[in-house]
């Protein structure tokens, strides 16, 4: 990849997939150059262009990051089973007290509990696990949600309107089938969807426009971690010092390297995930930028050494 490819990829990752007419003036090149560069990166598997569903709108309420310690010689067998599980959206080797970090999404806490207490325990080679519950996600790639607002009344704390209720939309089976195809190739044209789904092209276009306008999915550009050889990916656990956690998160997510942030339950108050082009940038973020944010008491990074599943794509 040359400098233009890198600038193009940074733009696509930060703001989602964009048309060549939008990208060309930003990068100072012609539309045909943009088309050619994106096509080349897709052909070489440097990137994939996929539809990324909005997990809140699709009803996911039980989020967690699970640290896993495995027996010697069991690393790859355990990792393969985790990558194959449909509820993991990221799996990575880790340099920390854990050998593997797995990010999971479920629609109910009961399913998450069953996964941790039963399914994981049946995988041969796992010594122990630690589950970090993510209770109020604020950022998930290019999706974001407002901080909850609590108001105190004479009877206690009043309930707040959660982010999912701001944009209610009934997703039917046809919508899910459309999204399922686009998760494999986000640039699939309506004419091709028509042939696979057996419904009218105008109906497909209307559904796509409706879902996009309501924020049910976004078209994302996903880099291949192996091809791009990003050197510094990390989950970072943060403890705060008597501050409202969401004020801390508001400051952290201003950094475009942070692709996930949430309030958490467990040994950390806040969990973030970030990706940097090199270790120096990660080190500066952990040692300088985060401690400068008012309210942060301690920071503990968990370095990802190899991503095997990312955006639910098996890159292993």
C-alpha atoms as a PDB file:
ATOM      1  CA  UNK A   1       0.000   0.000   0.000  1.00  0.00           C
ATOM      2  CA  UNK A   2       1.245   3.466  -0.874  1.00  0.00           C
ATOM      3  CA  UNK A   3       0.427   6.789   0.776  1.00  0.00           C
ATOM      4  CA  UNK A   4      -2.750   7.334  -1.270  1.00  0.00           C
ATOM      5  CA  UNK A   5      -4.072   3.861  -0.411  1.00  0.00           C
ATOM      6  CA  UNK A   6      -3.464   4.541   3.272  1.00  0.00           C
ATOM      7  CA  UNK A   7      -5.212   7.931   3.152  1.00  0.00           C
ATOM      8  CA  UNK A   8      -8.118   6.368   1.273  1.00  0.00           C
ATOM      9  CA  UNK A   9      -8.433   3.540   3.783  1.00  0.00           C
ATOM     10  CA  UNK A  10      -8.261   5.916   6.758  1.00  0.00           C
ATOM     11  CA  UNK A  11     -11.065   8.003   5.257  1.00  0.00           C
ATOM     12  CA  UNK A  12     -13.256   4.954   4.573  1.00  0.00           C
ATOM     13  CA  UNK A  13     -12.737   3.458   8.005  1.00  0.00           C
ATOM     14  CA  UNK A  14     -13.370   6.702   9.852  1.00  0.00           C
ATOM     15  CA  UNK A  15     -16.541   7.728   8.005  1.00  0.00           C
ATOM     16  CA  UNK A  16     -17.787   4.505   6.411  1.00  0.00           C
ATOM     17  CA  UNK A  17     -17.980   3.658   2.719  1.00  0.00           C
ATOM     18  CA  UNK A  18     -18.405   6.715   0.495  1.00  0.00           C
ATOM     19  CA  UNK A  19     -18.976   7.314  -3.179  1.00  0.00           C
ATOM     20  CA  UNK A  20     -16.021   8.154  -5.410  1.00  0.00           C
ATOM     21  CA  UNK A  21     -17.533  11.586  -6.120  1.00  0.00           C
ATOM     22  CA  UNK A  22     -17.324  12.346  -2.388  1.00  0.00           C
ATOM     23  CA  UNK A  23     -13.838  10.924  -1.872  1.00  0.00           C
ATOM     24  CA  UNK A  24     -12.134  12.375  -4.970  1.00  0.00           C
ATOM     25  CA  UNK A  25     -12.042  16.052  -3.871  1.00  0.00           C
ATOM     26  CA  UNK A  26     -11.048  15.062  -0.317  1.00  0.00           C
ATOM     27  CA  UNK A  27      -7.997  13.198  -1.580  1.00  0.00           C
ATOM     28  CA  UNK A  28      -7.211  15.395  -4.575  1.00  0.00           C
ATOM     29  CA  UNK A  29      -7.516  12.686  -7.229  1.00  0.00           C
ATOM     30  CA  UNK A  30     -10.020  11.690  -9.899  1.00  0.00           C
ATOM     31  CA  UNK A  31     -13.073   9.470  -9.415  1.00  0.00           C
ATOM     32  CA  UNK A  32     -11.625   6.806 -11.694  1.00  0.00           C
ATOM     33  CA  UNK A  33      -8.547   6.615  -9.468  1.00  0.00           C
ATOM     34  CA  UNK A  34     -10.746   6.091  -6.415  1.00  0.00           C
ATOM     35  CA  UNK A  35     -12.721   3.343  -8.171  1.00  0.00           C
ATOM     36  CA  UNK A  36      -9.524   1.634  -9.302  1.00  0.00           C
ATOM     37  CA  UNK A  37      -7.865   1.788  -5.883  1.00  0.00           C
ATOM     38  CA  UNK A  38     -10.889   0.412  -4.019  1.00  0.00           C
ATOM     39  CA  UNK A  39     -11.370  -2.351  -6.598  1.00  0.00           C
ATOM     40  CA  UNK A  40      -7.700  -3.320  -6.307  1.00  0.00           C
ATOM     41  CA  UNK A  41      -7.798  -3.449  -2.494  1.00  0.00           C
ATOM     42  CA  UNK A  42     -10.931  -5.590  -2.571  1.00  0.00           C
ATOM     43  CA  UNK A  43      -9.438  -7.951  -5.177  1.00  0.00           C
ATOM     44  CA  UNK A  44      -6.248  -8.392  -3.123  1.00  0.00           C
ATOM     45  CA  UNK A  45      -8.293  -8.964   0.077  1.00  0.00           C
ATOM     46  CA  UNK A  46      -6.751  -5.925   1.702  1.00  0.00           C
ATOM     47  CA  UNK A  47     -10.286  -4.851   2.575  1.00  0.00           C
ATOM     48  CA  UNK A  48     -13.844  -6.112   2.600  1.00  0.00           C
ATOM     49  CA  UNK A  49     -16.873  -3.890   2.160  1.00  0.00           C
ATOM     50  CA  UNK A  50     -19.761  -5.141   4.264  1.00  0.00           C
ATOM     51  CA  UNK A  51     -23.031  -4.101   5.838  1.00  0.00           C
ATOM     52  CA  UNK A  52     -22.582  -3.735   9.586  1.00  0.00           C
ATOM     53  CA  UNK A  53     -25.901  -4.026  11.467  1.00  0.00           C
ATOM     54  CA  UNK A  54     -26.637  -1.612  14.298  1.00  0.00           C
ATOM     55  CA  UNK A  55     -26.605  -4.046  17.257  1.00  0.00           C
ATOM     56  CA  UNK A  56     -28.867  -1.893  19.434  1.00  0.00           C
ATOM     57  CA  UNK A  57     -31.522  -1.612  16.710  1.00  0.00           C
ATOM     58  CA  UNK A  58     -31.303  -5.359  16.093  1.00  0.00           C
ATOM     59  CA  UNK A  59     -32.106  -6.067  19.731  1.00  0.00           C
ATOM     60  CA  UNK A  60     -28.739  -7.018  21.227  1.00  0.00           C
ATOM     61  CA  UNK A  61     -28.818  -6.206  24.933  1.00  0.00           C
ATOM     62  CA  UNK A  62     -26.160  -8.532  26.405  1.00  0.00           C
ATOM     63  CA  UNK A  63     -22.626  -7.475  25.473  1.00  0.00           C
ATOM     64  CA  UNK A  64     -19.414  -8.812  26.988  1.00  0.00           C
ATOM     65  CA  UNK A  65     -15.688  -9.182  26.506  1.00  0.00           C
ATOM     66  CA  UNK A  66     -14.344 -12.486  27.790  1.00  0.00           C
ATOM     67  CA  UNK A  67     -10.735 -13.140  28.721  1.00  0.00           C
ATOM     68  CA  UNK A  68      -9.752 -16.799  28.336  1.00  0.00           C
ATOM     69  CA  UNK A  69      -6.752 -18.691  29.702  1.00  0.00           C
ATOM     70  CA  UNK A  70      -6.009 -22.001  27.989  1.00  0.00           C
ATOM     71  CA  UNK A  71      -3.891 -25.071  28.627  1.00  0.00           C
ATOM     72  CA  UNK A  72      -0.511 -25.323  26.862  1.00  0.00           C
ATOM     73  CA  UNK A  73      -0.982 -26.729  23.360  1.00  0.00           C
ATOM     74  CA  UNK A  74      -4.716 -25.900  23.235  1.00  0.00           C
ATOM     75  CA  UNK A  75      -4.552 -22.334  21.931  1.00  0.00           C
ATOM     76  CA  UNK A  76      -5.459 -22.963  18.291  1.00  0.00           C
ATOM     77  CA  UNK A  77      -8.151 -25.576  19.000  1.00  0.00           C
ATOM     78  CA  UNK A  78      -9.910 -23.286  21.483  1.00  0.00           C
ATOM     79  CA  UNK A  79      -9.571 -20.279  19.203  1.00  0.00           C
ATOM     80  CA  UNK A  80     -11.085 -22.146  16.244  1.00  0.00           C
ATOM     81  CA  UNK A  81     -14.199 -23.037  18.258  1.00  0.00           C
ATOM     82  CA  UNK A  82     -14.582 -19.423  19.356  1.00  0.00           C
ATOM     83  CA  UNK A  83     -14.192 -18.106  15.800  1.00  0.00           C
ATOM     84  CA  UNK A  84     -16.870 -20.521  14.571  1.00  0.00           C
ATOM     85  CA  UNK A  85     -19.403 -19.440  17.190  1.00  0.00           C
ATOM     86  CA  UNK A  86     -21.982 -17.079  15.592  1.00  0.00           C
ATOM     87  CA  UNK A  87     -22.177 -14.811  18.641  1.00  0.00           C
ATOM     88  CA  UNK A  88     -18.503 -13.816  18.673  1.00  0.00           C
ATOM     89  CA  UNK A  89     -17.786 -10.710  16.618  1.00  0.00           C
ATOM     90  CA  UNK A  90     -14.106 -10.404  17.533  1.00  0.00           C
ATOM     91  CA  UNK A  91     -11.560 -13.039  18.603  1.00  0.00           C
ATOM     92  CA  UNK A  92      -7.884 -12.250  19.152  1.00  0.00           C
ATOM     93  CA  UNK A  93      -4.717 -13.607  20.696  1.00  0.00           C
ATOM     94  CA  UNK A  94      -3.652 -11.457  23.615  1.00  0.00           C
ATOM     95  CA  UNK A  95      -0.502 -10.492  25.473  1.00  0.00           C
ATOM     96  CA  UNK A  96      -1.850 -10.191  29.001  1.00  0.00           C
ATOM     97  CA  UNK A  97      -2.982 -12.515  31.742  1.00  0.00           C
ATOM     98  CA  UNK A  98      -5.280 -14.061  29.135  1.00  0.00           C
ATOM     99  CA  UNK A  99      -4.322 -15.957  26.003  1.00  0.00           C
ATOM    100  CA  UNK A 100      -7.492 -15.079  24.077  1.00  0.00           C
ATOM    101  CA  UNK A 101      -9.973 -12.189  24.150  1.00  0.00           C
ATOM    102  CA  UNK A 102     -13.444 -12.786  22.697  1.00  0.00           C
ATOM    103  CA  UNK A 103     -16.138 -10.151  22.182  1.00  0.00           C
ATOM    104  CA  UNK A 104     -19.715 -11.452  22.175  1.00  0.00           C
ATOM    105  CA  UNK A 105     -23.236 -10.143  21.520  1.00  0.00           C
ATOM    106  CA  UNK A 106     -26.509 -11.743  22.608  1.00  0.00           C
ATOM    107  CA  UNK A 107     -30.087 -10.540  22.613  1.00  0.00           C
ATOM    108  CA  UNK A 108     -30.711 -11.661  26.214  1.00  0.00           C
ATOM    109  CA  UNK A 109     -28.644 -11.981  29.378  1.00  0.00           C
ATOM    110  CA  UNK A 110     -29.862 -15.587  29.725  1.00  0.00           C
ATOM    111  CA  UNK A 111     -28.135 -16.530  26.459  1.00  0.00           C
ATOM    112  CA  UNK A 112     -24.950 -14.778  27.533  1.00  0.00           C
ATOM    113  CA  UNK A 113     -25.055 -16.605  30.861  1.00  0.00           C
ATOM    114  CA  UNK A 114     -25.529 -19.955  29.109  1.00  0.00           C
ATOM    115  CA  UNK A 115     -22.641 -19.234  26.751  1.00  0.00           C
ATOM    116  CA  UNK A 116     -20.249 -18.380  29.604  1.00  0.00           C
ATOM    117  CA  UNK A 117     -21.332 -20.984  32.134  1.00  0.00           C
ATOM    118  CA  UNK A 118     -22.078 -23.891  29.802  1.00  0.00           C
ATOM    119  CA  UNK A 119     -20.815 -23.564  26.221  1.00  0.00           C
ATOM    120  CA  UNK A 120     -17.367 -22.228  27.116  1.00  0.00           C
ATOM    121  CA  UNK A 121     -16.920 -24.785  29.855  1.00  0.00           C
ATOM    122  CA  UNK A 122     -17.474 -27.599  27.344  1.00  0.00           C
ATOM    123  CA  UNK A 123     -14.554 -26.455  25.194  1.00  0.00           C
ATOM    124  CA  UNK A 124     -11.602 -28.676  25.972  1.00  0.00           C
ATOM    125  CA  UNK A 125      -8.456 -26.780  26.915  1.00  0.00           C
ATOM    126  CA  UNK A 126      -9.979 -23.758  28.671  1.00  0.00           C
ATOM    127  CA  UNK A 127      -8.530 -23.270  32.150  1.00  0.00           C
ATOM    128  CA  UNK A 128     -10.476 -20.201  33.273  1.00  0.00           C
ATOM    129  CA  UNK A 129     -12.431 -17.233  31.995  1.00  0.00           C
ATOM    130  CA  UNK A 130     -13.285 -13.726  33.116  1.00  0.00           C
ATOM    131  CA  UNK A 131     -16.382 -11.985  31.808  1.00  0.00           C
ATOM    132  CA  UNK A 132     -16.475  -8.195  31.606  1.00  0.00           C
ATOM    133  CA  UNK A 133     -20.070  -7.062  31.160  1.00  0.00           C
ATOM    134  CA  UNK A 134     -20.617  -4.076  28.873  1.00  0.00           C
ATOM    135  CA  UNK A 135     -23.679  -2.365  30.259  1.00  0.00           C
ATOM    136  CA  UNK A 136     -24.135   0.811  28.256  1.00  0.00           C
ATOM    137  CA  UNK A 137     -22.310   0.842  24.902  1.00  0.00           C
ATOM    138  CA  UNK A 138     -21.639   4.354  23.589  1.00  0.00           C
ATOM    139  CA  UNK A 139     -19.621   3.646  20.459  1.00  0.00           C
ATOM    140  CA  UNK A 140     -19.416   0.627  18.181  1.00  0.00           C
ATOM    141  CA  UNK A 141     -17.359   1.399  15.092  1.00  0.00           C
ATOM    142  CA  UNK A 142     -19.330   4.140  13.268  1.00  0.00           C
ATOM    143  CA  UNK A 143     -22.435   3.750  15.434  1.00  0.00           C
ATOM    144  CA  UNK A 144     -22.841   5.817  18.582  1.00  0.00           C
ATOM    145  CA  UNK A 145     -25.524   6.313  21.222  1.00  0.00           C
ATOM    146  CA  UNK A 146     -26.159   9.119  23.699  1.00  0.00           C
ATOM    147  CA  UNK A 147     -25.357   8.834  27.370  1.00  0.00           C
ATOM    148  CA  UNK A 148     -28.382   7.898  29.490  1.00  0.00           C
ATOM    149  CA  UNK A 149     -29.934  10.646  31.569  1.00  0.00           C
ATOM    150  CA  UNK A 150     -31.052   9.816  35.110  1.00  0.00           C
ATOM    151  CA  UNK A 151     -33.352  12.109  37.079  1.00  0.00           C
ATOM    152  CA  UNK A 152     -33.986  11.774  40.778  1.00  0.00           C
ATOM    153  CA  UNK A 153     -37.527  12.050  42.103  1.00  0.00           C
ATOM    154  CA  UNK A 154     -39.131  11.736  45.528  1.00  0.00           C
ATOM    155  CA  UNK A 155     -39.548   8.007  44.966  1.00  0.00           C
ATOM    156  CA  UNK A 156     -36.013   7.347  43.767  1.00  0.00           C
ATOM    157  CA  UNK A 157     -34.335   7.310  40.362  1.00  0.00           C
ATOM    158  CA  UNK A 158     -36.668   7.689  37.416  1.00  0.00           C
ATOM    159  CA  UNK A 159     -36.211   5.331  34.457  1.00  0.00           C
ATOM    160  CA  UNK A 160     -34.504   6.785  31.403  1.00  0.00           C
ATOM    161  CA  UNK A 161     -35.282   6.285  27.735  1.00  0.00           C
ATOM    162  CA  UNK A 162     -32.660   3.924  26.343  1.00  0.00           C
ATOM    163  CA  UNK A 163     -31.070   4.518  22.954  1.00  0.00           C
ATOM    164  CA  UNK A 164     -32.956   1.635  21.334  1.00  0.00           C
ATOM    165  CA  UNK A 165     -36.295   3.349  21.864  1.00  0.00           C
ATOM    166  CA  UNK A 166     -35.370   6.457  19.901  1.00  0.00           C
ATOM    167  CA  UNK A 167     -35.721   4.754  16.542  1.00  0.00           C
ATOM    168  CA  UNK A 168     -38.189   1.889  16.683  1.00  0.00           C
ATOM    169  CA  UNK A 169     -38.453  -0.122  13.481  1.00  0.00           C
ATOM    170  CA  UNK A 170     -39.960  -3.560  13.025  1.00  0.00           C
ATOM    171  CA  UNK A 171     -37.409  -5.693  11.190  1.00  0.00           C
ATOM    172  CA  UNK A 172     -39.055  -8.515   9.264  1.00  0.00           C
ATOM    173  CA  UNK A 173     -37.573 -11.622   7.679  1.00  0.00           C
ATOM    174  CA  UNK A 174     -37.054  -9.942   4.304  1.00  0.00           C
ATOM    175  CA  UNK A 175     -35.009  -7.156   5.919  1.00  0.00           C
ATOM    176  CA  UNK A 176     -32.918  -9.746   7.709  1.00  0.00           C
ATOM    177  CA  UNK A 177     -32.283 -11.651   4.481  1.00  0.00           C
ATOM    178  CA  UNK A 178     -31.172  -8.448   2.756  1.00  0.00           C
ATOM    179  CA  UNK A 179     -28.794  -7.622   5.604  1.00  0.00           C
ATOM    180  CA  UNK A 180     -27.489 -11.200   5.646  1.00  0.00           C
ATOM    181  CA  UNK A 181     -26.432 -10.939   1.988  1.00  0.00           C
ATOM    182  CA  UNK A 182     -24.941  -7.477   2.433  1.00  0.00           C
ATOM    183  CA  UNK A 183     -22.890  -8.673   5.399  1.00  0.00           C
ATOM    184  CA  UNK A 184     -20.960 -10.797   2.916  1.00  0.00           C
ATOM    185  CA  UNK A 185     -20.697  -8.074   0.256  1.00  0.00           C
ATOM    186  CA  UNK A 186     -21.960  -4.618   1.112  1.00  0.00           C
ATOM    187  CA  UNK A 187     -21.801  -3.498  -2.529  1.00  0.00           C
ATOM    188  CA  UNK A 188     -24.271  -6.105  -3.811  1.00  0.00           C
ATOM    189  CA  UNK A 189     -26.589  -4.264  -6.199  1.00  0.00           C
ATOM    190  CA  UNK A 190     -30.385  -4.326  -5.870  1.00  0.00           C
ATOM    191  CA  UNK A 191     -30.629  -6.213  -9.176  1.00  0.00           C
ATOM    192  CA  UNK A 192     -28.510  -9.028  -7.719  1.00  0.00           C
ATOM    193  CA  UNK A 193     -30.562  -8.969  -4.508  1.00  0.00           C
ATOM    194  CA  UNK A 194     -33.717  -9.273  -6.618  1.00  0.00           C
ATOM    195  CA  UNK A 195     -32.410 -12.436  -8.268  1.00  0.00           C
ATOM    196  CA  UNK A 196     -31.528 -14.005  -4.912  1.00  0.00           C
ATOM    197  CA  UNK A 197     -34.595 -12.907  -2.946  1.00  0.00           C
ATOM    198  CA  UNK A 198     -37.285 -13.102  -5.611  1.00  0.00           C
ATOM    199  CA  UNK A 199     -38.805  -9.706  -4.817  1.00  0.00           C
ATOM    200  CA  UNK A 200     -39.060  -6.526  -6.866  1.00  0.00           C
ATOM    201  CA  UNK A 201     -36.041  -4.253  -7.282  1.00  0.00           C
ATOM    202  CA  UNK A 202     -38.060  -1.157  -6.328  1.00  0.00           C
ATOM    203  CA  UNK A 203     -39.156  -2.891  -3.109  1.00  0.00           C
ATOM    204  CA  UNK A 204     -35.536  -3.703  -2.299  1.00  0.00           C
ATOM    205  CA  UNK A 205     -34.427  -0.119  -2.931  1.00  0.00           C
ATOM    206  CA  UNK A 206     -37.208   1.189  -0.709  1.00  0.00           C
ATOM    207  CA  UNK A 207     -36.282  -1.181   2.111  1.00  0.00           C
ATOM    208  CA  UNK A 208     -32.584  -0.322   1.841  1.00  0.00           C
ATOM    209  CA  UNK A 209     -33.297   3.402   1.941  1.00  0.00           C
ATOM    210  CA  UNK A 210     -35.639   2.995   4.896  1.00  0.00           C
ATOM    211  CA  UNK A 211     -33.152   0.922   6.897  1.00  0.00           C
ATOM    212  CA  UNK A 212     -30.254   3.273   6.122  1.00  0.00           C
ATOM    213  CA  UNK A 213     -32.269   6.353   7.060  1.00  0.00           C
ATOM    214  CA  UNK A 214     -33.196   4.738  10.373  1.00  0.00           C
ATOM    215  CA  UNK A 215     -29.613   3.776  11.105  1.00  0.00           C
ATOM    216  CA  UNK A 216     -30.226   0.024  11.097  1.00  0.00           C
ATOM    217  CA  UNK A 217     -26.997  -0.666   9.255  1.00  0.00           C
ATOM    218  CA  UNK A 218     -24.055   1.078   7.707  1.00  0.00           C
ATOM    219  CA  UNK A 219     -21.712   0.128   4.883  1.00  0.00           C
ATOM    220  CA  UNK A 220     -18.264  -0.289   6.410  1.00  0.00           C
ATOM    221  CA  UNK A 221     -14.807  -0.927   5.032  1.00  0.00           C
ATOM    222  CA  UNK A 222     -13.045  -3.634   7.021  1.00  0.00           C
ATOM    223  CA  UNK A 223      -9.257  -3.976   6.728  1.00  0.00           C
ATOM    224  CA  UNK A 224      -7.576  -7.343   6.667  1.00  0.00           C
ATOM    225  CA  UNK A 225      -5.383  -7.295   9.802  1.00  0.00           C
ATOM    226  CA  UNK A 226      -2.862  -9.675   8.262  1.00  0.00           C
ATOM    227  CA  UNK A 227      -2.396  -7.775   5.008  1.00  0.00           C
ATOM    228  CA  UNK A 228      -2.238  -4.347   6.634  1.00  0.00           C
ATOM    229  CA  UNK A 229      -0.131  -5.559   9.563  1.00  0.00           C
ATOM    230  CA  UNK A 230      -1.438  -3.093  12.085  1.00  0.00           C
ATOM    231  CA  UNK A 231       0.935  -3.308  14.990  1.00  0.00           C
ATOM    232  CA  UNK A 232      -1.110  -2.058  17.895  1.00  0.00           C
ATOM    233  CA  UNK A 233      -4.631  -3.191  18.731  1.00  0.00           C
ATOM    234  CA  UNK A 234      -5.761  -3.151  22.343  1.00  0.00           C
ATOM    235  CA  UNK A 235      -8.640  -3.447  24.749  1.00  0.00           C
ATOM    236  CA  UNK A 236      -8.119  -1.004  27.593  1.00  0.00           C
ATOM    237  CA  UNK A 237      -9.742  -1.275  31.005  1.00  0.00           C
ATOM    238  CA  UNK A 238     -10.216   2.036  32.813  1.00  0.00           C
ATOM    239  CA  UNK A 239     -11.130   2.840  36.397  1.00  0.00           C
ATOM    240  CA  UNK A 240     -12.450   6.278  37.194  1.00  0.00           C
ATOM    241  CA  UNK A 241     -12.180   8.369  40.333  1.00  0.00           C
ATOM    242  CA  UNK A 242     -15.605   9.465  41.564  1.00  0.00           C
ATOM    243  CA  UNK A 243     -16.689  10.830  38.202  1.00  0.00           C
ATOM    244  CA  UNK A 244     -19.659  10.160  35.968  1.00  0.00           C
ATOM    245  CA  UNK A 245     -18.362   7.449  33.632  1.00  0.00           C
ATOM    246  CA  UNK A 246     -20.063   8.903  30.564  1.00  0.00           C
ATOM    247  CA  UNK A 247     -18.200  12.206  30.916  1.00  0.00           C
ATOM    248  CA  UNK A 248     -14.954  10.247  30.681  1.00  0.00           C
ATOM    249  CA  UNK A 249     -16.240   8.300  27.666  1.00  0.00           C
ATOM    250  CA  UNK A 250     -17.281  11.534  25.939  1.00  0.00           C
ATOM    251  CA  UNK A 251     -13.661  12.680  26.047  1.00  0.00           C
ATOM    252  CA  UNK A 252     -12.167   9.333  25.037  1.00  0.00           C
ATOM    253  CA  UNK A 253     -14.273   8.773  21.923  1.00  0.00           C
ATOM    254  CA  UNK A 254     -13.084  12.037  20.423  1.00  0.00           C
ATOM    255  CA  UNK A 255      -9.988  10.066  19.425  1.00  0.00           C
ATOM    256  CA  UNK A 256     -10.745   8.391  16.051  1.00  0.00           C
ATOM    257  CA  UNK A 257      -8.539   5.424  16.982  1.00  0.00           C
ATOM    258  CA  UNK A 258     -11.161   4.368  19.560  1.00  0.00           C
ATOM    259  CA  UNK A 259     -13.702   2.133  17.825  1.00  0.00           C
ATOM    260  CA  UNK A 260     -15.570   0.841  20.889  1.00  0.00           C
ATOM    261  CA  UNK A 261     -16.442   2.322  24.285  1.00  0.00           C
ATOM    262  CA  UNK A 262     -18.814   1.248  27.042  1.00  0.00           C
ATOM    263  CA  UNK A 263     -19.504   1.455  30.731  1.00  0.00           C
ATOM    264  CA  UNK A 264     -18.691  -1.936  32.243  1.00  0.00           C
ATOM    265  CA  UNK A 265     -19.289  -4.078  35.301  1.00  0.00           C
ATOM    266  CA  UNK A 266     -16.420  -5.987  36.859  1.00  0.00           C
ATOM    267  CA  UNK A 267     -12.944  -4.829  37.749  1.00  0.00           C
ATOM    268  CA  UNK A 268     -13.169  -1.859  35.333  1.00  0.00           C
ATOM    269  CA  UNK A 269     -15.632   1.037  35.169  1.00  0.00           C
ATOM    270  CA  UNK A 270     -15.071   1.673  31.444  1.00  0.00           C
ATOM    271  CA  UNK A 271     -13.872  -0.521  28.584  1.00  0.00           C
ATOM    272  CA  UNK A 272     -12.553   0.860  25.313  1.00  0.00           C
ATOM    273  CA  UNK A 273     -11.013  -0.774  22.244  1.00  0.00           C
ATOM    274  CA  UNK A 274      -8.613   1.057  19.964  1.00  0.00           C
ATOM    275  CA  UNK A 275      -6.374   0.472  16.967  1.00  0.00           C
ATOM    276  CA  UNK A 276      -3.180   2.358  16.152  1.00  0.00           C
ATOM    277  CA  UNK A 277      -0.717   2.206  13.280  1.00  0.00           C
ATOM    278  CA  UNK A 278       2.220   1.528  15.572  1.00  0.00           C
ATOM    279  CA  UNK A 279       3.201   0.867  19.177  1.00  0.00           C
ATOM    280  CA  UNK A 280       4.461   4.398  19.733  1.00  0.00           C
ATOM    281  CA  UNK A 281       0.974   5.803  19.117  1.00  0.00           C
ATOM    282  CA  UNK A 282      -0.604   3.251  21.444  1.00  0.00           C
ATOM    283  CA  UNK A 283       2.007   3.944  24.114  1.00  0.00           C
ATOM    284  CA  UNK A 284       1.366   7.704  23.884  1.00  0.00           C
ATOM    285  CA  UNK A 285      -2.383   7.155  24.113  1.00  0.00           C
ATOM    286  CA  UNK A 286      -2.086   4.936  27.213  1.00  0.00           C
ATOM    287  CA  UNK A 287       0.707   6.805  28.986  1.00  0.00           C
ATOM    288  CA  UNK A 288      -0.065  10.413  28.083  1.00  0.00           C
ATOM    289  CA  UNK A 289      -3.513  11.022  26.572  1.00  0.00           C
ATOM    290  CA  UNK A 290      -5.681   8.873  28.838  1.00  0.00           C
ATOM    291  CA  UNK A 291      -4.096   9.963  32.173  1.00  0.00           C
ATOM    292  CA  UNK A 292      -4.649  13.592  31.118  1.00  0.00           C
ATOM    293  CA  UNK A 293      -8.444  13.063  31.096  1.00  0.00           C
ATOM    294  CA  UNK A 294      -9.998  14.261  34.348  1.00  0.00           C
ATOM    295  CA  UNK A 295     -11.465  11.443  36.423  1.00  0.00           C
ATOM    296  CA  UNK A 296      -9.324   8.556  35.166  1.00  0.00           C
ATOM    297  CA  UNK A 297      -7.653   6.790  38.100  1.00  0.00           C
ATOM    298  CA  UNK A 298      -5.963   3.837  36.379  1.00  0.00           C
ATOM    299  CA  UNK A 299      -5.505   2.267  32.953  1.00  0.00           C
ATOM    300  CA  UNK A 300      -4.768  -1.361  32.061  1.00  0.00           C
ATOM    301  CA  UNK A 301      -4.155  -2.314  28.400  1.00  0.00           C
ATOM    302  CA  UNK A 302      -4.650  -5.802  26.955  1.00  0.00           C
ATOM    303  CA  UNK A 303      -2.616  -5.976  23.757  1.00  0.00           C
ATOM    304  CA  UNK A 304      -4.051  -7.940  20.822  1.00  0.00           C
ATOM    305  CA  UNK A 305      -1.235  -9.692  18.966  1.00  0.00           C
ATOM    306  CA  UNK A 306      -3.263 -11.340  16.197  1.00  0.00           C
ATOM    307  CA  UNK A 307      -6.890 -10.829  15.169  1.00  0.00           C
ATOM    308  CA  UNK A 308      -8.622 -13.939  13.896  1.00  0.00           C
ATOM    309  CA  UNK A 309     -12.191 -12.683  13.730  1.00  0.00           C
ATOM    310  CA  UNK A 310     -13.026  -9.027  13.183  1.00  0.00           C
ATOM    311  CA  UNK A 311     -16.390  -7.466  12.331  1.00  0.00           C
ATOM    312  CA  UNK A 312     -17.649 -11.100  12.488  1.00  0.00           C
ATOM    313  CA  UNK A 313     -15.321 -11.942   9.556  1.00  0.00           C
ATOM    314  CA  UNK A 314     -13.069 -14.959   9.938  1.00  0.00           C
ATOM    315  CA  UNK A 315      -9.607 -13.724   8.934  1.00  0.00           C
ATOM    316  CA  UNK A 316      -7.760 -16.722  10.398  1.00  0.00           C
END
